[in-house]
Amino acid sequence: MAVIIGVAHMSMGIFTKGLNALYFNDKMVLFTEVVTGLVILLGLFGWMDILIFSKWTFQMDPYSLNPVMQARINEAPSIITVMINNFLAGGNQYVSVMG
């Protein structure tokens, strides 16, 4: 929840800076700081927010005795693993099954 609120708060700050750049007709700041800041912020942490929301919506019951549910839990990558693999593995999401 803190990540979602933080991203919303930072997005509001960048959006406000964009409104100031429009008001003062400073196109250099608008394109170099506001547009690139929003692309980077929402590209990285916006994607993380989408992953958080998707993790909240999919049913995962770690106490289930159902083998299908257990297999689903064991194969589901964590959010931090997905974010790291986006950079280090070129976006390939692979599951390392230990055991």
PDB file of N, CA and C in Angstrom:
ATOM      1  N   MET A   1       0.822  -1.178   0.000  1.00  0.00           N
ATOM      2  CA  MET A   1       0.000   0.000   0.000  1.00  0.00           C
ATOM      3  C   MET A   1       0.874   1.252   0.000  1.00  0.00           C
ATOM      4  N   ALA A   2       2.000   1.203   0.696  1.00  0.00           N
ATOM      5  CA  ALA A   2       2.886   2.358   0.761  1.00  0.00           C
ATOM      6  C   ALA A   2       3.479   2.684  -0.604  1.00  0.00           C
ATOM      7  N   VAL A   3       3.797   1.658  -1.384  1.00  0.00           N
ATOM      8  CA  VAL A   3       4.344   1.889  -2.723  1.00  0.00           C
ATOM      9  C   VAL A   3       3.300   2.563  -3.613  1.00  0.00           C
ATOM     10  N   ILE A   4       2.073   2.122  -3.528  1.00  0.00           N
ATOM     11  CA  ILE A   4       1.002   2.696  -4.355  1.00  0.00           C
ATOM     12  C   ILE A   4       0.766   4.156  -3.983  1.00  0.00           C
ATOM     13  N   ILE A   5       0.707   4.446  -2.690  1.00  0.00           N
ATOM     14  CA  ILE A   5       0.510   5.830  -2.248  1.00  0.00           C
ATOM     15  C   ILE A   5       1.721   6.682  -2.623  1.00  0.00           C
ATOM     16  N   GLY A   6       2.920   6.131  -2.477  1.00  0.00           N
ATOM     17  CA  GLY A   6       4.132   6.870  -2.835  1.00  0.00           C
ATOM     18  C   GLY A   6       4.198   7.208  -4.313  1.00  0.00           C
ATOM     19  N   VAL A   7       3.838   6.259  -5.165  1.00  0.00           N
ATOM     20  CA  VAL A   7       3.840   6.516  -6.607  1.00  0.00           C
ATOM     21  C   VAL A   7       2.794   7.560  -6.970  1.00  0.00           C
ATOM     22  N   ALA A   8       1.632   7.491  -6.344  1.00  0.00           N
ATOM     23  CA  ALA A   8       0.600   8.501  -6.595  1.00  0.00           C
ATOM     24  C   ALA A   8       1.073   9.883  -6.146  1.00  0.00           C
ATOM     25  N   HIS A   9       1.728   9.941  -5.007  1.00  0.00           N
ATOM     26  CA  HIS A   9       2.224  11.211  -4.485  1.00  0.00           C
ATOM     27  C   HIS A   9       3.315  11.790  -5.385  1.00  0.00           C
ATOM     28  N   MET A  10       4.256  10.967  -5.815  1.00  0.00           N
ATOM     29  CA  MET A  10       5.317  11.449  -6.699  1.00  0.00           C
ATOM     30  C   MET A  10       4.764  11.846  -8.065  1.00  0.00           C
ATOM     31  N   SER A  11       3.767  11.121  -8.553  1.00  0.00           N
ATOM     32  CA  SER A  11       3.142  11.475  -9.835  1.00  0.00           C
ATOM     33  C   SER A  11       2.445  12.828  -9.739  1.00  0.00           C
ATOM     34  N   MET A  12       1.795  13.085  -8.599  1.00  0.00           N
ATOM     35  CA  MET A  12       1.168  14.394  -8.410  1.00  0.00           C
ATOM     36  C   MET A  12       2.202  15.502  -8.404  1.00  0.00           C
ATOM     37  N   GLY A  13       3.353  15.265  -7.810  1.00  0.00           N
ATOM     38  CA  GLY A  13       4.416  16.260  -7.788  1.00  0.00           C
ATOM     39  C   GLY A  13       4.946  16.553  -9.181  1.00  0.00           C
ATOM     40  N   ILE A  14       5.160  15.521  -9.968  1.00  0.00           N
ATOM     41  CA  ILE A  14       5.643  15.728 -11.334  1.00  0.00           C
ATOM     42  C   ILE A  14       4.570  16.409 -12.179  1.00  0.00           C
ATOM     43  N   PHE A  15       3.317  16.031 -11.981  1.00  0.00           N
ATOM     44  CA  PHE A  15       2.220  16.661 -12.712  1.00  0.00           C
ATOM     45  C   PHE A  15       2.112  18.148 -12.358  1.00  0.00           C
ATOM     46  N   THR A  16       2.307  18.482 -11.085  1.00  0.00           N
ATOM     47  CA  THR A  16       2.281  19.884 -10.662  1.00  0.00           C
ATOM     48  C   THR A  16       3.442  20.659 -11.285  1.00  0.00           C
ATOM     49  N   LYS A  17       4.600  20.028 -11.358  1.00  0.00           N
ATOM     50  CA  LYS A  17       5.741  20.664 -12.018  1.00  0.00           C
ATOM     51  C   LYS A  17       5.436  20.898 -13.491  1.00  0.00           C
ATOM     52  N   GLY A  18       4.711  19.959 -14.107  1.00  0.00           N
ATOM     53  CA  GLY A  18       4.307  20.138 -15.497  1.00  0.00           C
ATOM     54  C   GLY A  18       3.342  21.305 -15.670  1.00  0.00           C
ATOM     55  N   LEU A  19       2.415  21.453 -14.734  1.00  0.00           N
ATOM     56  CA  LEU A  19       1.501  22.597 -14.796  1.00  0.00           C
ATOM     57  C   LEU A  19       2.247  23.917 -14.635  1.00  0.00           C
ATOM     58  N   ASN A  20       3.240  23.946 -13.739  1.00  0.00           N
ATOM     59  CA  ASN A  20       4.065  25.146 -13.587  1.00  0.00           C
ATOM     60  C   ASN A  20       4.858  25.440 -14.853  1.00  0.00           C
ATOM     61  N   ALA A  21       5.386  24.394 -15.484  1.00  0.00           N
ATOM     62  CA  ALA A  21       6.143  24.589 -16.720  1.00  0.00           C
ATOM     63  C   ALA A  21       5.235  25.130 -17.825  1.00  0.00           C
ATOM     64  N   LEU A  22       4.000  24.663 -17.875  1.00  0.00           N
ATOM     65  CA  LEU A  22       3.057  25.199 -18.865  1.00  0.00           C
ATOM     66  C   LEU A  22       2.697  26.648 -18.553  1.00  0.00           C
ATOM     67  N   TYR A  23       2.487  26.954 -17.284  1.00  0.00           N
ATOM     68  CA  TYR A  23       2.103  28.306 -16.884  1.00  0.00           C
ATOM     69  C   TYR A  23       3.214  29.314 -17.201  1.00  0.00           C
ATOM     70  N   PHE A  24       4.472  28.925 -16.918  1.00  0.00           N
ATOM     71  CA  PHE A  24       5.598  29.817 -17.174  1.00  0.00           C
ATOM     72  C   PHE A  24       6.180  29.642 -18.574  1.00  0.00           C
ATOM     73  N   ASN A  25       5.520  28.842 -19.403  1.00  0.00           N
ATOM     74  CA  ASN A  25       5.912  28.605 -20.799  1.00  0.00           C
ATOM     75  C   ASN A  25       7.365  28.127 -20.898  1.00  0.00           C
ATOM     76  N   ASP A  26       7.742  27.216 -20.035  1.00  0.00           N
ATOM     77  CA  ASP A  26       9.090  26.656 -20.012  1.00  0.00           C
ATOM     78  C   ASP A  26       9.053  25.259 -20.636  1.00  0.00           C
ATOM     79  N   LYS A  27       9.154  25.231 -21.957  1.00  0.00           N
ATOM     80  CA  LYS A  27       9.023  23.959 -22.681  1.00  0.00           C
ATOM     81  C   LYS A  27      10.203  23.024 -22.448  1.00  0.00           C
ATOM     82  N   MET A  28      11.362  23.595 -22.153  1.00  0.00           N
ATOM     83  CA  MET A  28      12.541  22.755 -21.898  1.00  0.00           C
ATOM     84  C   MET A  28      12.326  21.902 -20.641  1.00  0.00           C
ATOM     85  N   VAL A  29      11.829  22.517 -19.589  1.00  0.00           N
ATOM     86  CA  VAL A  29      11.551  21.774 -18.355  1.00  0.00           C
ATOM     87  C   VAL A  29      10.434  20.769 -18.589  1.00  0.00           C
ATOM     88  N   LEU A  30       9.431  21.158 -19.359  1.00  0.00           N
ATOM     89  CA  LEU A  30       8.300  20.267 -19.617  1.00  0.00           C
ATOM     90  C   LEU A  30       8.755  18.974 -20.284  1.00  0.00           C
ATOM     91  N   PHE A  31       9.607  19.082 -21.291  1.00  0.00           N
ATOM     92  CA  PHE A  31      10.005  17.881 -22.028  1.00  0.00           C
ATOM     93  C   PHE A  31      11.158  17.134 -21.374  1.00  0.00           C
ATOM     94  N   THR A  32      12.114  17.860 -20.782  1.00  0.00           N
ATOM     95  CA  THR A  32      13.284  17.164 -20.233  1.00  0.00           C
ATOM     96  C   THR A  32      13.064  16.626 -18.827  1.00  0.00           C
ATOM     97  N   GLU A  33      12.237  17.288 -18.022  1.00  0.00           N
ATOM     98  CA  GLU A  33      12.053  16.838 -16.652  1.00  0.00           C
ATOM     99  C   GLU A  33      10.693  16.187 -16.413  1.00  0.00           C
ATOM    100  N   VAL A  34       9.635  16.795 -16.924  1.00  0.00           N
ATOM    101  CA  VAL A  34       8.291  16.307 -16.615  1.00  0.00           C
ATOM    102  C   VAL A  34       7.969  15.051 -17.413  1.00  0.00           C
ATOM    103  N   VAL A  35       8.129  15.122 -18.714  1.00  0.00           N
ATOM    104  CA  VAL A  35       7.777  13.963 -19.557  1.00  0.00           C
ATOM    105  C   VAL A  35       8.686  12.786 -19.254  1.00  0.00           C
ATOM    106  N   THR A  36       9.992  13.028 -19.189  1.00  0.00           N
ATOM    107  CA  THR A  36      10.902  11.913 -18.903  1.00  0.00           C
ATOM    108  C   THR A  36      10.710  11.388 -17.477  1.00  0.00           C
ATOM    109  N   GLY A  37      10.422  12.291 -16.535  1.00  0.00           N
ATOM    110  CA  GLY A  37      10.176  11.848 -15.160  1.00  0.00           C
ATOM    111  C   GLY A  37       8.953  10.957 -15.058  1.00  0.00           C
ATOM    112  N   LEU A  38       7.882  11.336 -15.762  1.00  0.00           N
ATOM    113  CA  LEU A  38       6.679  10.492 -15.743  1.00  0.00           C
ATOM    114  C   LEU A  38       6.914   9.155 -16.428  1.00  0.00           C
ATOM    115  N   VAL A  39       7.654   9.169 -17.532  1.00  0.00           N
ATOM    116  CA  VAL A  39       7.932   7.904 -18.235  1.00  0.00           C
ATOM    117  C   VAL A  39       8.725   6.960 -17.343  1.00  0.00           C
ATOM    118  N   ILE A  40       9.759   7.475 -16.705  1.00  0.00           N
ATOM    119  CA  ILE A  40      10.586   6.626 -15.849  1.00  0.00           C
ATOM    120  C   ILE A  40       9.815   6.179 -14.607  1.00  0.00           C
ATOM    121  N   LEU A  41       9.135   7.120 -13.950  1.00  0.00           N
ATOM    122  CA  LEU A  41       8.401   6.776 -12.728  1.00  0.00           C
ATOM    123  C   LEU A  41       7.305   5.763 -12.999  1.00  0.00           C
ATOM    124  N   LEU A  42       6.477   6.040 -13.994  1.00  0.00           N
ATOM    125  CA  LEU A  42       5.358   5.135 -14.254  1.00  0.00           C
ATOM    126  C   LEU A  42       5.805   3.865 -14.968  1.00  0.00           C
ATOM    127  N   GLY A  43       6.900   3.947 -15.712  1.00  0.00           N
ATOM    128  CA  GLY A  43       7.426   2.745 -16.362  1.00  0.00           C
ATOM    129  C   GLY A  43       7.957   1.736 -15.366  1.00  0.00           C
ATOM    130  N   LEU A  44       8.614   2.219 -14.332  1.00  0.00           N
ATOM    131  CA  LEU A  44       9.162   1.306 -13.327  1.00  0.00           C
ATOM    132  C   LEU A  44       8.166   1.026 -12.202  1.00  0.00           C
ATOM    133  N   PHE A  45       7.783   2.072 -11.509  1.00  0.00           N
ATOM    134  CA  PHE A  45       6.964   1.874 -10.324  1.00  0.00           C
ATOM    135  C   PHE A  45       5.484   1.761 -10.653  1.00  0.00           C
ATOM    136  N   GLY A  46       5.055   2.297 -11.783  1.00  0.00           N
ATOM    137  CA  GLY A  46       3.680   2.058 -12.226  1.00  0.00           C
ATOM    138  C   GLY A  46       3.475   0.582 -12.553  1.00  0.00           C
ATOM    139  N   TRP A  47       4.496  -0.010 -13.198  1.00  0.00           N
ATOM    140  CA  TRP A  47       4.462  -1.443 -13.481  1.00  0.00           C
ATOM    141  C   TRP A  47       4.444  -2.242 -12.176  1.00  0.00           C
ATOM    142  N   MET A  48       5.198  -1.784 -11.189  1.00  0.00           N
ATOM    143  CA  MET A  48       5.193  -2.471  -9.903  1.00  0.00           C
ATOM    144  C   MET A  48       3.820  -2.374  -9.241  1.00  0.00           C
ATOM    145  N   ASP A  49       3.156  -1.237  -9.376  1.00  0.00           N
ATOM    146  CA  ASP A  49       1.795  -1.103  -8.841  1.00  0.00           C
ATOM    147  C   ASP A  49       0.832  -2.057  -9.528  1.00  0.00           C
ATOM    148  N   ILE A  50       0.957  -2.215 -10.831  1.00  0.00           N
ATOM    149  CA  ILE A  50       0.110  -3.167 -11.563  1.00  0.00           C
ATOM    150  C   ILE A  50       0.359  -4.586 -11.061  1.00  0.00           C
ATOM    151  N   LEU A  51       1.626  -4.919 -10.819  1.00  0.00           N
ATOM    152  CA  LEU A  51       1.943  -6.244 -10.279  1.00  0.00           C
ATOM    153  C   LEU A  51       1.351  -6.435  -8.886  1.00  0.00           C
ATOM    154  N   ILE A  52       1.372  -5.387  -8.067  1.00  0.00           N
ATOM    155  CA  ILE A  52       0.796  -5.477  -6.724  1.00  0.00           C
ATOM    156  C   ILE A  52      -0.710  -5.702  -6.807  1.00  0.00           C
ATOM    157  N   PHE A  53      -1.390  -4.934  -7.666  1.00  0.00           N
ATOM    158  CA  PHE A  53      -2.835  -5.115  -7.816  1.00  0.00           C
ATOM    159  C   PHE A  53      -3.163  -6.506  -8.347  1.00  0.00           C
ATOM    160  N   SER A  54      -2.367  -7.005  -9.289  1.00  0.00           N
ATOM    161  CA  SER A  54      -2.648  -8.338  -9.827  1.00  0.00           C
ATOM    162  C   SER A  54      -2.397  -9.411  -8.767  1.00  0.00           C
ATOM    163  N   LYS A  55      -1.414  -9.206  -7.912  1.00  0.00           N
ATOM    164  CA  LYS A  55      -1.168 -10.174  -6.845  1.00  0.00           C
ATOM    165  C   LYS A  55      -2.315 -10.174  -5.835  1.00  0.00           C
ATOM    166  N   TRP A  56      -2.925  -9.023  -5.620  1.00  0.00           N
ATOM    167  CA  TRP A  56      -4.066  -8.948  -4.713  1.00  0.00           C
ATOM    168  C   TRP A  56      -5.303  -9.622  -5.287  1.00  0.00           C
ATOM    169  N   THR A  57      -5.449  -9.635  -6.617  1.00  0.00           N
ATOM    170  CA  THR A  57      -6.682 -10.150  -7.208  1.00  0.00           C
ATOM    171  C   THR A  57      -6.655 -11.658  -7.445  1.00  0.00           C
ATOM    172  N   PHE A  58      -5.480 -12.268  -7.602  1.00  0.00           N
ATOM    173  CA  PHE A  58      -5.425 -13.703  -7.840  1.00  0.00           C
ATOM    174  C   PHE A  58      -5.482 -14.459  -6.522  1.00  0.00           C
ATOM    175  N   GLN A  59      -6.279 -15.513  -6.503  1.00  0.00           N
ATOM    176  CA  GLN A  59      -6.469 -16.287  -5.286  1.00  0.00           C
ATOM    177  C   GLN A  59      -5.256 -17.176  -5.040  1.00  0.00           C
ATOM    178  N   MET A  60      -4.646 -16.999  -3.891  1.00  0.00           N
ATOM    179  CA  MET A  60      -3.532 -17.835  -3.461  1.00  0.00           C
ATOM    180  C   MET A  60      -3.785 -18.229  -2.016  1.00  0.00           C
ATOM    181  N   ASP A  61      -3.988 -19.496  -1.776  1.00  0.00           N
ATOM    182  CA  ASP A  61      -4.243 -19.986  -0.422  1.00  0.00           C
ATOM    183  C   ASP A  61      -3.085 -20.892  -0.007  1.00  0.00           C
ATOM    184  N   PRO A  62      -2.152 -20.394   0.782  1.00  0.00           N
ATOM    185  CA  PRO A  62      -0.987 -21.209   1.138  1.00  0.00           C
ATOM    186  C   PRO A  62      -1.321 -22.384   2.045  1.00  0.00           C
ATOM    187  N   TYR A  63      -2.500 -22.380   2.650  1.00  0.00           N
ATOM    188  CA  TYR A  63      -2.887 -23.468   3.556  1.00  0.00           C
ATOM    189  C   TYR A  63      -3.765 -24.515   2.876  1.00  0.00           C
ATOM    190  N   SER A  64      -3.946 -24.365   1.581  1.00  0.00           N
ATOM    191  CA  SER A  64      -4.789 -25.307   0.851  1.00  0.00           C
ATOM    192  C   SER A  64      -4.070 -26.647   0.686  1.00  0.00           C
ATOM    193  N   LEU A  65      -4.846 -27.711   0.742  1.00  0.00           N
ATOM    194  CA  LEU A  65      -4.292 -29.042   0.504  1.00  0.00           C
ATOM    195  C   LEU A  65      -4.457 -29.467  -0.951  1.00  0.00           C
ATOM    196  N   ASN A  66      -5.069 -28.610  -1.742  1.00  0.00           N
ATOM    197  CA  ASN A  66      -5.270 -28.884  -3.153  1.00  0.00           C
ATOM    198  C   ASN A  66      -3.915 -28.825  -3.872  1.00  0.00           C
ATOM    199  N   PRO A  67      -3.505 -29.903  -4.577  1.00  0.00           N
ATOM    200  CA  PRO A  67      -2.191 -29.896  -5.234  1.00  0.00           C
ATOM    201  C   PRO A  67      -2.084 -28.869  -6.365  1.00  0.00           C
ATOM    202  N   VAL A  68      -3.201 -28.540  -6.998  1.00  0.00           N
ATOM    203  CA  VAL A  68      -3.160 -27.521  -8.060  1.00  0.00           C
ATOM    204  C   VAL A  68      -2.833 -26.156  -7.460  1.00  0.00           C
ATOM    205  N   MET A  69      -3.453 -25.848  -6.330  1.00  0.00           N
ATOM    206  CA  MET A  69      -3.183 -24.573  -5.658  1.00  0.00           C
ATOM    207  C   MET A  69      -1.748 -24.527  -5.159  1.00  0.00           C
ATOM    208  N   GLN A  70      -1.239 -25.623  -4.621  1.00  0.00           N
ATOM    209  CA  GLN A  70       0.140 -25.662  -4.153  1.00  0.00           C
ATOM    210  C   GLN A  70       1.125 -25.462  -5.298  1.00  0.00           C
ATOM    211  N   ALA A  71       0.849 -26.059  -6.451  1.00  0.00           N
ATOM    212  CA  ALA A  71       1.722 -25.881  -7.615  1.00  0.00           C
ATOM    213  C   ALA A  71       1.696 -24.437  -8.085  1.00  0.00           C
ATOM    214  N   ARG A  72       0.522 -23.810  -8.033  1.00  0.00           N
ATOM    215  CA  ARG A  72       0.393 -22.411  -8.427  1.00  0.00           C
ATOM    216  C   ARG A  72       1.207 -21.504  -7.514  1.00  0.00           C
ATOM    217  N   ILE A  73       1.187 -21.772  -6.236  1.00  0.00           N
ATOM    218  CA  ILE A  73       1.930 -20.961  -5.280  1.00  0.00           C
ATOM    219  C   ILE A  73       3.425 -21.163  -5.467  1.00  0.00           C
ATOM    220  N   ASN A  74       3.853 -22.387  -5.677  1.00  0.00           N
ATOM    221  CA  ASN A  74       5.286 -22.663  -5.832  1.00  0.00           C
ATOM    222  C   ASN A  74       5.854 -22.094  -7.118  1.00  0.00           C
ATOM    223  N   GLU A  75       5.038 -21.909  -8.149  1.00  0.00           N
ATOM    224  CA  GLU A  75       5.517 -21.408  -9.431  1.00  0.00           C
ATOM    225  C   GLU A  75       5.358 -19.898  -9.586  1.00  0.00           C
ATOM    226  N   ALA A  76       4.641 -19.258  -8.688  1.00  0.00           N
ATOM    227  CA  ALA A  76       4.395 -17.825  -8.811  1.00  0.00           C
ATOM    228  C   ALA A  76       5.644 -17.032  -8.425  1.00  0.00           C
ATOM    229  N   PRO A  77       6.143 -16.193  -9.332  1.00  0.00           N
ATOM    230  CA  PRO A  77       7.318 -15.388  -8.981  1.00  0.00           C
ATOM    231  C   PRO A  77       6.925 -14.220  -8.081  1.00  0.00           C
ATOM    232  N   SER A  78       7.847 -13.773  -7.279  1.00  0.00           N
ATOM    233  CA  SER A  78       7.571 -12.630  -6.419  1.00  0.00           C
ATOM    234  C   SER A  78       7.696 -11.347  -7.234  1.00  0.00           C
ATOM    235  N   ILE A  79       7.154 -10.272  -6.709  1.00  0.00           N
ATOM    236  CA  ILE A  79       7.169  -8.995  -7.425  1.00  0.00           C
ATOM    237  C   ILE A  79       8.593  -8.509  -7.610  1.00  0.00           C
ATOM    238  N   ILE A  80       9.425  -8.643  -6.597  1.00  0.00           N
ATOM    239  CA  ILE A  80      10.802  -8.169  -6.709  1.00  0.00           C
ATOM    240  C   ILE A  80      11.578  -8.993  -7.733  1.00  0.00           C
ATOM    241  N   THR A  81      11.278 -10.294  -7.836  1.00  0.00           N
ATOM    242  CA  THR A  81      11.936 -11.133  -8.836  1.00  0.00           C
ATOM    243  C   THR A  81      11.545 -10.702 -10.242  1.00  0.00           C
ATOM    244  N   VAL A  82      10.301 -10.376 -10.450  1.00  0.00           N
ATOM    245  CA  VAL A  82       9.843  -9.902 -11.754  1.00  0.00           C
ATOM    246  C   VAL A  82      10.534  -8.595 -12.114  1.00  0.00           C
ATOM    247  N   MET A  83      10.637  -7.671 -11.158  1.00  0.00           N
ATOM    248  CA  MET A  83      11.283  -6.383 -11.430  1.00  0.00           C
ATOM    249  C   MET A  83      12.770  -6.559 -11.744  1.00  0.00           C
ATOM    250  N   ILE A  84      13.457  -7.424 -11.017  1.00  0.00           N
ATOM    251  CA  ILE A  84      14.881  -7.651 -11.263  1.00  0.00           C
ATOM    252  C   ILE A  84      15.088  -8.324 -12.607  1.00  0.00           C
ATOM    253  N   ASN A  85      14.256  -9.318 -12.931  1.00  0.00           N
ATOM    254  CA  ASN A  85      14.401 -10.022 -14.204  1.00  0.00           C
ATOM    255  C   ASN A  85      14.099  -9.122 -15.400  1.00  0.00           C
ATOM    256  N   ASN A  86      13.295  -8.087 -15.214  1.00  0.00           N
ATOM    257  CA  ASN A  86      13.047  -7.160 -16.311  1.00  0.00           C
ATOM    258  C   ASN A  86      14.334  -6.491 -16.759  1.00  0.00           C
ATOM    259  N   PHE A  87      15.255  -6.262 -15.845  1.00  0.00           N
ATOM    260  CA  PHE A  87      16.511  -5.618 -16.199  1.00  0.00           C
ATOM    261  C   PHE A  87      17.627  -6.617 -16.467  1.00  0.00           C
ATOM    262  N   LEU A  88      17.806  -7.570 -15.579  1.00  0.00           N
ATOM    263  CA  LEU A  88      18.953  -8.456 -15.683  1.00  0.00           C
ATOM    264  C   LEU A  88      18.758  -9.612 -16.662  1.00  0.00           C
ATOM    265  N   ALA A  89      17.524 -10.052 -16.848  1.00  0.00           N
ATOM    266  CA  ALA A  89      17.270 -11.183 -17.744  1.00  0.00           C
ATOM    267  C   ALA A  89      16.563 -10.747 -19.024  1.00  0.00           C
ATOM    268  N   GLY A  90      16.532  -9.469 -19.281  1.00  0.00           N
ATOM    269  CA  GLY A  90      15.912  -8.980 -20.512  1.00  0.00           C
ATOM    270  C   GLY A  90      14.414  -9.207 -20.568  1.00  0.00           C
ATOM    271  N   GLY A  91      13.769  -9.302 -19.424  1.00  0.00           N
ATOM    272  CA  GLY A  91      12.326  -9.493 -19.380  1.00  0.00           C
ATOM    273  C   GLY A  91      11.892 -10.946 -19.309  1.00  0.00           C
ATOM    274  N   ASN A  92      12.820 -11.881 -19.449  1.00  0.00           N
ATOM    275  CA  ASN A  92      12.462 -13.301 -19.348  1.00  0.00           C
ATOM    276  C   ASN A  92      12.127 -13.643 -17.905  1.00  0.00           C
ATOM    277  N   GLN A  93      10.928 -14.140 -17.706  1.00  0.00           N
ATOM    278  CA  GLN A  93      10.502 -14.530 -16.369  1.00  0.00           C
ATOM    279  C   GLN A  93      10.563 -16.050 -16.279  1.00  0.00           C
ATOM    280  N   TYR A  94      11.513 -16.546 -15.571  1.00  0.00           N
ATOM    281  CA  TYR A  94      11.660 -17.989 -15.429  1.00  0.00           C
ATOM    282  C   TYR A  94      11.462 -18.375 -13.975  1.00  0.00           C
ATOM    283  N   VAL A  95      11.027 -19.589 -13.788  1.00  0.00           N
ATOM    284  CA  VAL A  95      10.760 -20.073 -12.438  1.00  0.00           C
ATOM    285  C   VAL A  95      11.830 -21.090 -12.079  1.00  0.00           C
ATOM    286  N   SER A  96      12.474 -20.847 -10.969  1.00  0.00           N
ATOM    287  CA  SER A  96      13.478 -21.791 -10.480  1.00  0.00           C
ATOM    288  C   SER A  96      12.827 -22.658  -9.410  1.00  0.00           C
ATOM    289  N   VAL A  97      12.594 -23.903  -9.736  1.00  0.00           N
ATOM    290  CA  VAL A  97      11.971 -24.817  -8.791  1.00  0.00           C
ATOM    291  C   VAL A  97      13.082 -25.578  -8.077  1.00  0.00           C
ATOM    292  N   MET A  98      13.105 -25.428  -6.766  1.00  0.00           N
ATOM    293  CA  MET A  98      14.144 -26.090  -5.978  1.00  0.00           C
ATOM    294  C   MET A  98      13.552 -27.357  -5.366  1.00  0.00           C
ATOM    295  N   GLY A  99      14.370 -28.365  -5.268  1.00  0.00           N
ATOM    296  CA  GLY A  99      13.883 -29.550  -4.596  1.00  0.00           C
ATOM    297  C   GLY A  99      14.093 -30.745  -5.351  1.00  0.00           C
TER     298      GLY A  99
END
